[in-house]
Amino acid sequence: YDYLKNHFQPITVNLESPITQCRSD
């Protein structure tokens, strides 16, 4: 999500199972 342009760009197909916890860099 580009927060300066308010634009969301999906990068994956549908995830088969919901996210329970996440981390990132």
mmCIF file of all heavy atoms, coordinates in Angstrom:
data_MODEL
# 
_entry.id   MODEL 
# 
loop_
_atom_site.group_PDB 
_atom_site.id 
_atom_site.type_symbol 
_atom_site.label_atom_id 
_atom_site.label_alt_id 
_atom_site.label_comp_id 
_atom_site.label_asym_id 
_atom_site.label_entity_id 
_atom_site.label_seq_id 
_atom_site.pdbx_PDB_ins_code 
_atom_site.Cartn_x 
_atom_site.Cartn_y 
_atom_site.Cartn_z 
_atom_site.occupancy 
_atom_site.B_iso_or_equiv 
_atom_site.pdbx_formal_charge 
_atom_site.auth_seq_id 
_atom_site.auth_comp_id 
_atom_site.auth_asym_id 
_atom_site.auth_atom_id 
_atom_site.pdbx_PDB_model_num 
ATOM 1   N N   . TYR A 1 1  ? 0.848  -1.196  0.000  1.00 0.00 ? 1  TYR A N   1 
ATOM 2   C CA  . TYR A 1 1  ? 0.000  0.000   0.000  1.00 0.00 ? 1  TYR A CA  1 
ATOM 3   C C   . TYR A 1 1  ? 0.878  1.238   0.000  1.00 0.00 ? 1  TYR A C   1 
ATOM 4   O O   . TYR A 1 1  ? 1.687  1.439   0.921  1.00 0.00 ? 1  TYR A O   1 
ATOM 5   C CB  . TYR A 1 1  ? -0.917 0.003   1.223  1.00 0.00 ? 1  TYR A CB  1 
ATOM 6   C CG  . TYR A 1 1  ? -1.901 1.153   1.247  1.00 0.00 ? 1  TYR A CG  1 
ATOM 7   C CD1 . TYR A 1 1  ? -3.114 1.069   0.584  1.00 0.00 ? 1  TYR A CD1 1 
ATOM 8   C CD2 . TYR A 1 1  ? -1.615 2.333   1.942  1.00 0.00 ? 1  TYR A CD2 1 
ATOM 9   C CE1 . TYR A 1 1  ? -4.025 2.123   0.593  1.00 0.00 ? 1  TYR A CE1 1 
ATOM 10  C CE2 . TYR A 1 1  ? -2.503 3.394   1.967  1.00 0.00 ? 1  TYR A CE2 1 
ATOM 11  C CZ  . TYR A 1 1  ? -3.709 3.275   1.288  1.00 0.00 ? 1  TYR A CZ  1 
ATOM 12  O OH  . TYR A 1 1  ? -4.604 4.321   1.293  1.00 0.00 ? 1  TYR A OH  1 
ATOM 13  N N   . ASP A 1 2  ? 0.756  2.064   -1.024 1.00 0.00 ? 2  ASP A N   1 
ATOM 14  C CA  . ASP A 1 2  ? 1.492  3.323   -1.115 1.00 0.00 ? 2  ASP A CA  1 
ATOM 15  C C   . ASP A 1 2  ? 0.701  4.377   -0.340 1.00 0.00 ? 2  ASP A C   1 
ATOM 16  O O   . ASP A 1 2  ? -0.356 4.818   -0.784 1.00 0.00 ? 2  ASP A O   1 
ATOM 17  C CB  . ASP A 1 2  ? 1.648  3.739   -2.579 1.00 0.00 ? 2  ASP A CB  1 
ATOM 18  C CG  . ASP A 1 2  ? 2.583  4.928   -2.759 1.00 0.00 ? 2  ASP A CG  1 
ATOM 19  O OD1 . ASP A 1 2  ? 2.525  5.866   -1.931 1.00 0.00 ? 2  ASP A OD1 1 
ATOM 20  O OD2 . ASP A 1 2  ? 3.362  4.935   -3.736 1.00 0.00 ? 2  ASP A OD2 1 
ATOM 21  N N   . TYR A 1 3  ? 1.216  4.778   0.827  1.00 0.00 ? 3  TYR A N   1 
ATOM 22  C CA  . TYR A 1 3  ? 0.442  5.688   1.682  1.00 0.00 ? 3  TYR A CA  1 
ATOM 23  C C   . TYR A 1 3  ? 0.523  7.146   1.236  1.00 0.00 ? 3  TYR A C   1 
ATOM 24  O O   . TYR A 1 3  ? -0.198 7.995   1.763  1.00 0.00 ? 3  TYR A O   1 
ATOM 25  C CB  . TYR A 1 3  ? 0.854  5.552   3.153  1.00 0.00 ? 3  TYR A CB  1 
ATOM 26  C CG  . TYR A 1 3  ? 2.326  5.704   3.455  1.00 0.00 ? 3  TYR A CG  1 
ATOM 27  C CD1 . TYR A 1 3  ? 2.927  6.960   3.507  1.00 0.00 ? 3  TYR A CD1 1 
ATOM 28  C CD2 . TYR A 1 3  ? 3.110  4.592   3.731  1.00 0.00 ? 3  TYR A CD2 1 
ATOM 29  C CE1 . TYR A 1 3  ? 4.269  7.099   3.803  1.00 0.00 ? 3  TYR A CE1 1 
ATOM 30  C CE2 . TYR A 1 3  ? 4.457  4.715   4.033  1.00 0.00 ? 3  TYR A CE2 1 
ATOM 31  C CZ  . TYR A 1 3  ? 5.026  5.964   4.068  1.00 0.00 ? 3  TYR A CZ  1 
ATOM 32  O OH  . TYR A 1 3  ? 6.368  6.099   4.360  1.00 0.00 ? 3  TYR A OH  1 
ATOM 33  N N   . LEU A 1 4  ? 1.359  7.461   0.275  1.00 0.00 ? 4  LEU A N   1 
ATOM 34  C CA  . LEU A 1 4  ? 1.367  8.813   -0.284 1.00 0.00 ? 4  LEU A CA  1 
ATOM 35  C C   . LEU A 1 4  ? 0.345  8.942   -1.418 1.00 0.00 ? 4  LEU A C   1 
ATOM 36  O O   . LEU A 1 4  ? -0.237 10.010  -1.622 1.00 0.00 ? 4  LEU A O   1 
ATOM 37  C CB  . LEU A 1 4  ? 2.765  9.176   -0.803 1.00 0.00 ? 4  LEU A CB  1 
ATOM 38  C CG  . LEU A 1 4  ? 3.877  9.243   0.250  1.00 0.00 ? 4  LEU A CG  1 
ATOM 39  C CD1 . LEU A 1 4  ? 5.192  9.683   -0.389 1.00 0.00 ? 4  LEU A CD1 1 
ATOM 40  C CD2 . LEU A 1 4  ? 3.507  10.182  1.393  1.00 0.00 ? 4  LEU A CD2 1 
ATOM 41  N N   . LYS A 1 5  ? 0.108  7.826   -2.128 1.00 0.00 ? 5  LYS A N   1 
ATOM 42  C CA  . LYS A 1 5  ? -0.841 7.824   -3.239 1.00 0.00 ? 5  LYS A CA  1 
ATOM 43  C C   . LYS A 1 5  ? -2.170 7.164   -2.878 1.00 0.00 ? 5  LYS A C   1 
ATOM 44  O O   . LYS A 1 5  ? -3.099 7.159   -3.686 1.00 0.00 ? 5  LYS A O   1 
ATOM 45  C CB  . LYS A 1 5  ? -0.229 7.102   -4.443 1.00 0.00 ? 5  LYS A CB  1 
ATOM 46  C CG  . LYS A 1 5  ? 1.039  7.745   -4.972 1.00 0.00 ? 5  LYS A CG  1 
ATOM 47  C CD  . LYS A 1 5  ? 1.607  6.948   -6.133 1.00 0.00 ? 5  LYS A CD  1 
ATOM 48  C CE  . LYS A 1 5  ? 2.899  7.569   -6.666 1.00 0.00 ? 5  LYS A CE  1 
ATOM 49  N NZ  . LYS A 1 5  ? 3.485  6.757   -7.771 1.00 0.00 ? 5  LYS A NZ  1 
ATOM 50  N N   . ASN A 1 6  ? -2.246 6.579   -1.674 1.00 0.00 ? 6  ASN A N   1 
ATOM 51  C CA  . ASN A 1 6  ? -3.440 5.841   -1.245 1.00 0.00 ? 6  ASN A CA  1 
ATOM 52  C C   . ASN A 1 6  ? -3.819 4.766   -2.267 1.00 0.00 ? 6  ASN A C   1 
ATOM 53  O O   . ASN A 1 6  ? -4.985 4.600   -2.645 1.00 0.00 ? 6  ASN A O   1 
ATOM 54  C CB  . ASN A 1 6  ? -4.632 6.789   -1.018 1.00 0.00 ? 6  ASN A CB  1 
ATOM 55  C CG  . ASN A 1 6  ? -4.418 7.707   0.172  1.00 0.00 ? 6  ASN A CG  1 
ATOM 56  O OD1 . ASN A 1 6  ? -3.768 7.324   1.142  1.00 0.00 ? 6  ASN A OD1 1 
ATOM 57  N ND2 . ASN A 1 6  ? -4.939 8.911   0.097  1.00 0.00 ? 6  ASN A ND2 1 
ATOM 58  N N   . HIS A 1 7  ? -2.789 4.018   -2.678 1.00 0.00 ? 7  HIS A N   1 
ATOM 59  C CA  . HIS A 1 7  ? -3.000 2.996   -3.706 1.00 0.00 ? 7  HIS A CA  1 
ATOM 60  C C   . HIS A 1 7  ? -2.526 1.639   -3.199 1.00 0.00 ? 7  HIS A C   1 
ATOM 61  O O   . HIS A 1 7  ? -1.417 1.496   -2.674 1.00 0.00 ? 7  HIS A O   1 
ATOM 62  C CB  . HIS A 1 7  ? -2.243 3.358   -4.975 1.00 0.00 ? 7  HIS A CB  1 
ATOM 63  C CG  . HIS A 1 7  ? -2.318 2.294   -6.031 1.00 0.00 ? 7  HIS A CG  1 
ATOM 64  N ND1 . HIS A 1 7  ? -3.463 2.016   -6.736 1.00 0.00 ? 7  HIS A ND1 1 
ATOM 65  C CD2 . HIS A 1 7  ? -1.371 1.421   -6.495 1.00 0.00 ? 7  HIS A CD2 1 
ATOM 66  C CE1 . HIS A 1 7  ? -3.238 1.047   -7.590 1.00 0.00 ? 7  HIS A CE1 1 
ATOM 67  N NE2 . HIS A 1 7  ? -1.980 0.657   -7.463 1.00 0.00 ? 7  HIS A NE2 1 
ATOM 68  N N   . PHE A 1 8  ? -3.393 0.614   -3.361 1.00 0.00 ? 8  PHE A N   1 
ATOM 69  C CA  . PHE A 1 8  ? -3.063 -0.748  -2.952 1.00 0.00 ? 8  PHE A CA  1 
ATOM 70  C C   . PHE A 1 8  ? -2.776 -1.596  -4.176 1.00 0.00 ? 8  PHE A C   1 
ATOM 71  O O   . PHE A 1 8  ? -3.585 -1.660  -5.105 1.00 0.00 ? 8  PHE A O   1 
ATOM 72  C CB  . PHE A 1 8  ? -4.223 -1.360  -2.167 1.00 0.00 ? 8  PHE A CB  1 
ATOM 73  C CG  . PHE A 1 8  ? -3.997 -2.802  -1.782 1.00 0.00 ? 8  PHE A CG  1 
ATOM 74  C CD1 . PHE A 1 8  ? -2.971 -3.152  -0.918 1.00 0.00 ? 8  PHE A CD1 1 
ATOM 75  C CD2 . PHE A 1 8  ? -4.821 -3.805  -2.286 1.00 0.00 ? 8  PHE A CD2 1 
ATOM 76  C CE1 . PHE A 1 8  ? -2.762 -4.487  -0.556 1.00 0.00 ? 8  PHE A CE1 1 
ATOM 77  C CE2 . PHE A 1 8  ? -4.624 -5.136  -1.927 1.00 0.00 ? 8  PHE A CE2 1 
ATOM 78  C CZ  . PHE A 1 8  ? -3.600 -5.475  -1.058 1.00 0.00 ? 8  PHE A CZ  1 
ATOM 79  N N   . GLN A 1 9  ? -1.606 -2.254  -4.176 1.00 0.00 ? 9  GLN A N   1 
ATOM 80  C CA  . GLN A 1 9  ? -1.213 -3.125  -5.272 1.00 0.00 ? 9  GLN A CA  1 
ATOM 81  C C   . GLN A 1 9  ? -1.085 -4.561  -4.758 1.00 0.00 ? 9  GLN A C   1 
ATOM 82  O O   . GLN A 1 9  ? -0.116 -4.892  -4.058 1.00 0.00 ? 9  GLN A O   1 
ATOM 83  C CB  . GLN A 1 9  ? 0.121  -2.685  -5.875 1.00 0.00 ? 9  GLN A CB  1 
ATOM 84  C CG  . GLN A 1 9  ? 0.620  -3.580  -7.003 1.00 0.00 ? 9  GLN A CG  1 
ATOM 85  C CD  . GLN A 1 9  ? -0.334 -3.607  -8.178 1.00 0.00 ? 9  GLN A CD  1 
ATOM 86  O OE1 . GLN A 1 9  ? -0.709 -2.554  -8.711 1.00 0.00 ? 9  GLN A OE1 1 
ATOM 87  N NE2 . GLN A 1 9  ? -0.746 -4.796  -8.600 1.00 0.00 ? 9  GLN A NE2 1 
ATOM 88  N N   . PRO A 1 10 ? -2.060 -5.440  -5.050 1.00 0.00 ? 10 PRO A N   1 
ATOM 89  C CA  . PRO A 1 10 ? -1.922 -6.845  -4.630 1.00 0.00 ? 10 PRO A CA  1 
ATOM 90  C C   . PRO A 1 10 ? -0.711 -7.478  -5.303 1.00 0.00 ? 10 PRO A C   1 
ATOM 91  O O   . PRO A 1 10 ? -0.411 -7.194  -6.462 1.00 0.00 ? 10 PRO A O   1 
ATOM 92  C CB  . PRO A 1 10 ? -3.228 -7.493  -5.127 1.00 0.00 ? 10 PRO A CB  1 
ATOM 93  C CG  . PRO A 1 10 ? -4.165 -6.354  -5.364 1.00 0.00 ? 10 PRO A CG  1 
ATOM 94  C CD  . PRO A 1 10 ? -3.311 -5.196  -5.783 1.00 0.00 ? 10 PRO A CD  1 
ATOM 95  N N   . ILE A 1 11 ? -0.010 -8.353  -4.568 1.00 0.00 ? 11 ILE A N   1 
ATOM 96  C CA  . ILE A 1 11 ? 1.176  -8.998  -5.149 1.00 0.00 ? 11 ILE A CA  1 
ATOM 97  C C   . ILE A 1 11 ? 1.073  -10.518 -5.099 1.00 0.00 ? 11 ILE A C   1 
ATOM 98  O O   . ILE A 1 11 ? 1.935  -11.206 -5.650 1.00 0.00 ? 11 ILE A O   1 
ATOM 99  C CB  . ILE A 1 11 ? 2.472  -8.546  -4.446 1.00 0.00 ? 11 ILE A CB  1 
ATOM 100 C CG1 . ILE A 1 11 ? 2.436  -8.894  -2.957 1.00 0.00 ? 11 ILE A CG1 1 
ATOM 101 C CG2 . ILE A 1 11 ? 2.714  -7.056  -4.658 1.00 0.00 ? 11 ILE A CG2 1 
ATOM 102 C CD1 . ILE A 1 11 ? 3.746  -8.638  -2.241 1.00 0.00 ? 11 ILE A CD1 1 
ATOM 103 N N   . THR A 1 12 ? 0.054  -11.063 -4.432 1.00 0.00 ? 12 THR A N   1 
ATOM 104 C CA  . THR A 1 12 ? -0.090 -12.513 -4.349 1.00 0.00 ? 12 THR A CA  1 
ATOM 105 C C   . THR A 1 12 ? -1.467 -12.939 -4.849 1.00 0.00 ? 12 THR A C   1 
ATOM 106 O O   . THR A 1 12 ? -2.370 -12.112 -4.995 1.00 0.00 ? 12 THR A O   1 
ATOM 107 C CB  . THR A 1 12 ? 0.073  -13.024 -2.903 1.00 0.00 ? 12 THR A CB  1 
ATOM 108 O OG1 . THR A 1 12 ? -1.033 -12.557 -2.104 1.00 0.00 ? 12 THR A OG1 1 
ATOM 109 C CG2 . THR A 1 12 ? 1.384  -12.553 -2.288 1.00 0.00 ? 12 THR A CG2 1 
ATOM 110 N N   . VAL A 1 13 ? -1.600 -14.234 -5.075 1.00 0.00 ? 13 VAL A N   1 
ATOM 111 C CA  . VAL A 1 13 ? -2.913 -14.811 -5.321 1.00 0.00 ? 13 VAL A CA  1 
ATOM 112 C C   . VAL A 1 13 ? -3.636 -14.882 -3.974 1.00 0.00 ? 13 VAL A C   1 
ATOM 113 O O   . VAL A 1 13 ? -3.069 -14.565 -2.928 1.00 0.00 ? 13 VAL A O   1 
ATOM 114 C CB  . VAL A 1 13 ? -2.789 -16.227 -5.934 1.00 0.00 ? 13 VAL A CB  1 
ATOM 115 C CG1 . VAL A 1 13 ? -2.108 -16.150 -7.288 1.00 0.00 ? 13 VAL A CG1 1 
ATOM 116 C CG2 . VAL A 1 13 ? -1.992 -17.154 -5.007 1.00 0.00 ? 13 VAL A CG2 1 
ATOM 117 N N   . ASN A 1 14 ? -4.877 -15.328 -3.987 1.00 0.00 ? 14 ASN A N   1 
ATOM 118 C CA  . ASN A 1 14 ? -5.628 -15.488 -2.743 1.00 0.00 ? 14 ASN A CA  1 
ATOM 119 C C   . ASN A 1 14 ? -4.905 -16.461 -1.811 1.00 0.00 ? 14 ASN A C   1 
ATOM 120 O O   . ASN A 1 14 ? -4.499 -17.543 -2.235 1.00 0.00 ? 14 ASN A O   1 
ATOM 121 C CB  . ASN A 1 14 ? -7.031 -16.018 -3.026 1.00 0.00 ? 14 ASN A CB  1 
ATOM 122 C CG  . ASN A 1 14 ? -7.880 -15.020 -3.808 1.00 0.00 ? 14 ASN A CG  1 
ATOM 123 O OD1 . ASN A 1 14 ? -7.341 -14.091 -4.407 1.00 0.00 ? 14 ASN A OD1 1 
ATOM 124 N ND2 . ASN A 1 14 ? -9.179 -15.209 -3.796 1.00 0.00 ? 14 ASN A ND2 1 
ATOM 125 N N   . LEU A 1 15 ? -4.744 -16.065 -0.548 1.00 0.00 ? 15 LEU A N   1 
ATOM 126 C CA  . LEU A 1 15 ? -4.135 -16.959 0.428  1.00 0.00 ? 15 LEU A CA  1 
ATOM 127 C C   . LEU A 1 15 ? -5.189 -17.958 0.898  1.00 0.00 ? 15 LEU A C   1 
ATOM 128 O O   . LEU A 1 15 ? -6.297 -17.570 1.289  1.00 0.00 ? 15 LEU A O   1 
ATOM 129 C CB  . LEU A 1 15 ? -3.581 -16.164 1.611  1.00 0.00 ? 15 LEU A CB  1 
ATOM 130 C CG  . LEU A 1 15 ? -2.521 -15.113 1.278  1.00 0.00 ? 15 LEU A CG  1 
ATOM 131 C CD1 . LEU A 1 15 ? -1.962 -14.489 2.556  1.00 0.00 ? 15 LEU A CD1 1 
ATOM 132 C CD2 . LEU A 1 15 ? -1.393 -15.697 0.436  1.00 0.00 ? 15 LEU A CD2 1 
ATOM 133 N N   . GLU A 1 16 ? -4.854 -19.238 0.864  1.00 0.00 ? 16 GLU A N   1 
ATOM 134 C CA  . GLU A 1 16 ? -5.827 -20.287 1.161  1.00 0.00 ? 16 GLU A CA  1 
ATOM 135 C C   . GLU A 1 16 ? -6.230 -20.316 2.626  1.00 0.00 ? 16 GLU A C   1 
ATOM 136 O O   . GLU A 1 16 ? -7.347 -20.699 2.959  1.00 0.00 ? 16 GLU A O   1 
ATOM 137 C CB  . GLU A 1 16 ? -5.262 -21.653 0.755  1.00 0.00 ? 16 GLU A CB  1 
ATOM 138 C CG  . GLU A 1 16 ? -5.013 -21.783 -0.749 1.00 0.00 ? 16 GLU A CG  1 
ATOM 139 C CD  . GLU A 1 16 ? -4.439 -23.127 -1.123 1.00 0.00 ? 16 GLU A CD  1 
ATOM 140 O OE1 . GLU A 1 16 ? -4.181 -23.935 -0.203 1.00 0.00 ? 16 GLU A OE1 1 
ATOM 141 O OE2 . GLU A 1 16 ? -4.251 -23.371 -2.324 1.00 0.00 ? 16 GLU A OE2 1 
ATOM 142 N N   . SER A 1 17 ? -5.309 -19.922 3.507  1.00 0.00 ? 17 SER A N   1 
ATOM 143 C CA  . SER A 1 17 ? -5.587 -19.968 4.939  1.00 0.00 ? 17 SER A CA  1 
ATOM 144 C C   . SER A 1 17 ? -5.326 -18.599 5.538  1.00 0.00 ? 17 SER A C   1 
ATOM 145 O O   . SER A 1 17 ? -4.369 -17.916 5.161  1.00 0.00 ? 17 SER A O   1 
ATOM 146 C CB  . SER A 1 17 ? -4.692 -21.015 5.618  1.00 0.00 ? 17 SER A CB  1 
ATOM 147 O OG  . SER A 1 17 ? -4.990 -21.129 6.990  1.00 0.00 ? 17 SER A OG  1 
ATOM 148 N N   . PRO A 1 18 ? -6.176 -18.134 6.478  1.00 0.00 ? 18 PRO A N   1 
ATOM 149 C CA  . PRO A 1 18 ? -6.007 -16.786 7.033  1.00 0.00 ? 18 PRO A CA  1 
ATOM 150 C C   . PRO A 1 18 ? -4.721 -16.631 7.840  1.00 0.00 ? 18 PRO A C   1 
ATOM 151 O O   . PRO A 1 18 ? -4.189 -17.602 8.391  1.00 0.00 ? 18 PRO A O   1 
ATOM 152 C CB  . PRO A 1 18 ? -7.239 -16.617 7.931  1.00 0.00 ? 18 PRO A CB  1 
ATOM 153 C CG  . PRO A 1 18 ? -7.670 -18.011 8.259  1.00 0.00 ? 18 PRO A CG  1 
ATOM 154 C CD  . PRO A 1 18 ? -7.349 -18.821 7.046  1.00 0.00 ? 18 PRO A CD  1 
ATOM 155 N N   . ILE A 1 19 ? -4.233 -15.401 7.907  1.00 0.00 ? 19 ILE A N   1 
ATOM 156 C CA  . ILE A 1 19 ? -3.036 -15.082 8.677  1.00 0.00 ? 19 ILE A CA  1 
ATOM 157 C C   . ILE A 1 19 ? -3.375 -15.057 10.166 1.00 0.00 ? 19 ILE A C   1 
ATOM 158 O O   . ILE A 1 19 ? -4.374 -14.467 10.583 1.00 0.00 ? 19 ILE A O   1 
ATOM 159 C CB  . ILE A 1 19 ? -2.468 -13.719 8.245  1.00 0.00 ? 19 ILE A CB  1 
ATOM 160 C CG1 . ILE A 1 19 ? -1.899 -13.815 6.821  1.00 0.00 ? 19 ILE A CG1 1 
ATOM 161 C CG2 . ILE A 1 19 ? -1.387 -13.230 9.210  1.00 0.00 ? 19 ILE A CG2 1 
ATOM 162 C CD1 . ILE A 1 19 ? -1.434 -12.486 6.264  1.00 0.00 ? 19 ILE A CD1 1 
ATOM 163 N N   . THR A 1 20 ? -2.538 -15.710 10.984 1.00 0.00 ? 20 THR A N   1 
ATOM 164 C CA  . THR A 1 20 ? -2.737 -15.690 12.430 1.00 0.00 ? 20 THR A CA  1 
ATOM 165 C C   . THR A 1 20 ? -1.769 -14.720 13.114 1.00 0.00 ? 20 THR A C   1 
ATOM 166 O O   . THR A 1 20 ? -2.166 -13.970 14.004 1.00 0.00 ? 20 THR A O   1 
ATOM 167 C CB  . THR A 1 20 ? -2.584 -17.096 13.028 1.00 0.00 ? 20 THR A CB  1 
ATOM 168 O OG1 . THR A 1 20 ? -1.309 -17.646 12.656 1.00 0.00 ? 20 THR A OG1 1 
ATOM 169 C CG2 . THR A 1 20 ? -3.685 -18.015 12.528 1.00 0.00 ? 20 THR A CG2 1 
ATOM 170 N N   . GLN A 1 21 ? -0.504 -14.741 12.724 1.00 0.00 ? 21 GLN A N   1 
ATOM 171 C CA  . GLN A 1 21 ? 0.490  -13.791 13.230 1.00 0.00 ? 21 GLN A CA  1 
ATOM 172 C C   . GLN A 1 21 ? 1.428  -13.437 12.086 1.00 0.00 ? 21 GLN A C   1 
ATOM 173 O O   . GLN A 1 21 ? 1.582  -14.220 11.144 1.00 0.00 ? 21 GLN A O   1 
ATOM 174 C CB  . GLN A 1 21 ? 1.292  -14.364 14.402 1.00 0.00 ? 21 GLN A CB  1 
ATOM 175 C CG  . GLN A 1 21 ? 0.504  -14.563 15.680 1.00 0.00 ? 21 GLN A CG  1 
ATOM 176 C CD  . GLN A 1 21 ? 1.396  -14.895 16.876 1.00 0.00 ? 21 GLN A CD  1 
ATOM 177 O OE1 . GLN A 1 21 ? 2.511  -14.374 17.015 1.00 0.00 ? 21 GLN A OE1 1 
ATOM 178 N NE2 . GLN A 1 21 ? 0.908  -15.760 17.738 1.00 0.00 ? 21 GLN A NE2 1 
ATOM 179 N N   . CYS A 1 22 ? 2.063  -12.259 12.190 1.00 0.00 ? 22 CYS A N   1 
ATOM 180 C CA  . CYS A 1 22 ? 2.971  -11.856 11.106 1.00 0.00 ? 22 CYS A CA  1 
ATOM 181 C C   . CYS A 1 22 ? 4.152  -11.056 11.657 1.00 0.00 ? 22 CYS A C   1 
ATOM 182 O O   . CYS A 1 22 ? 4.074  -10.460 12.732 1.00 0.00 ? 22 CYS A O   1 
ATOM 183 C CB  . CYS A 1 22 ? 2.239  -11.054 10.044 1.00 0.00 ? 22 CYS A CB  1 
ATOM 184 S SG  . CYS A 1 22 ? 1.534  -9.492  10.638 1.00 0.00 ? 22 CYS A SG  1 
ATOM 185 N N   . ARG A 1 23 ? 5.220  -11.065 10.896 1.00 0.00 ? 23 ARG A N   1 
ATOM 186 C CA  . ARG A 1 23 ? 6.407  -10.265 11.143 1.00 0.00 ? 23 ARG A CA  1 
ATOM 187 C C   . ARG A 1 23 ? 6.868  -9.769  9.773  1.00 0.00 ? 23 ARG A C   1 
ATOM 188 O O   . ARG A 1 23 ? 6.429  -10.283 8.739  1.00 0.00 ? 23 ARG A O   1 
ATOM 189 C CB  . ARG A 1 23 ? 7.528  -11.070 11.820 1.00 0.00 ? 23 ARG A CB  1 
ATOM 190 C CG  . ARG A 1 23 ? 7.131  -11.715 13.132 1.00 0.00 ? 23 ARG A CG  1 
ATOM 191 C CD  . ARG A 1 23 ? 6.903  -10.700 14.233 1.00 0.00 ? 23 ARG A CD  1 
ATOM 192 N NE  . ARG A 1 23 ? 6.560  -11.354 15.491 1.00 0.00 ? 23 ARG A NE  1 
ATOM 193 C CZ  . ARG A 1 23 ? 5.326  -11.577 15.911 1.00 0.00 ? 23 ARG A CZ  1 
ATOM 194 N NH1 . ARG A 1 23 ? 4.308  -11.221 15.140 1.00 0.00 ? 23 ARG A NH1 1 
ATOM 195 N NH2 . ARG A 1 23 ? 5.089  -12.158 17.053 1.00 0.00 ? 23 ARG A NH2 1 
ATOM 196 N N   . SER A 1 24 ? 7.801  -8.829  9.745  1.00 0.00 ? 24 SER A N   1 
ATOM 197 C CA  . SER A 1 24 ? 8.246  -8.338  8.437  1.00 0.00 ? 24 SER A CA  1 
ATOM 198 C C   . SER A 1 24 ? 9.556  -7.589  8.555  1.00 0.00 ? 24 SER A C   1 
ATOM 199 O O   . SER A 1 24 ? 9.980  -7.181  9.640  1.00 0.00 ? 24 SER A O   1 
ATOM 200 C CB  . SER A 1 24 ? 7.185  -7.417  7.820  1.00 0.00 ? 24 SER A CB  1 
ATOM 201 O OG  . SER A 1 24 ? 7.079  -6.218  8.568  1.00 0.00 ? 24 SER A OG  1 
ATOM 202 N N   . ASP A 1 25 ? 10.191 -7.407  7.404  1.00 0.00 ? 25 ASP A N   1 
ATOM 203 C CA  . ASP A 1 25 ? 11.244 -6.412  7.247  1.00 0.00 ? 25 ASP A CA  1 
ATOM 204 C C   . ASP A 1 25 ? 10.901 -5.648  5.972  1.00 0.00 ? 25 ASP A C   1 
ATOM 205 O O   . ASP A 1 25 ? 9.796  -5.770  5.455  1.00 0.00 ? 25 ASP A O   1 
ATOM 206 C CB  . ASP A 1 25 ? 12.649 -7.041  7.223  1.00 0.00 ? 25 ASP A CB  1 
ATOM 207 C CG  . ASP A 1 25 ? 12.800 -8.123  6.161  1.00 0.00 ? 25 ASP A CG  1 
ATOM 208 O OD1 . ASP A 1 25 ? 12.179 -7.993  5.080  1.00 0.00 ? 25 ASP A OD1 1 
ATOM 209 O OD2 . ASP A 1 25 ? 13.539 -9.093  6.395  1.00 0.00 ? 25 ASP A OD2 1 
# 
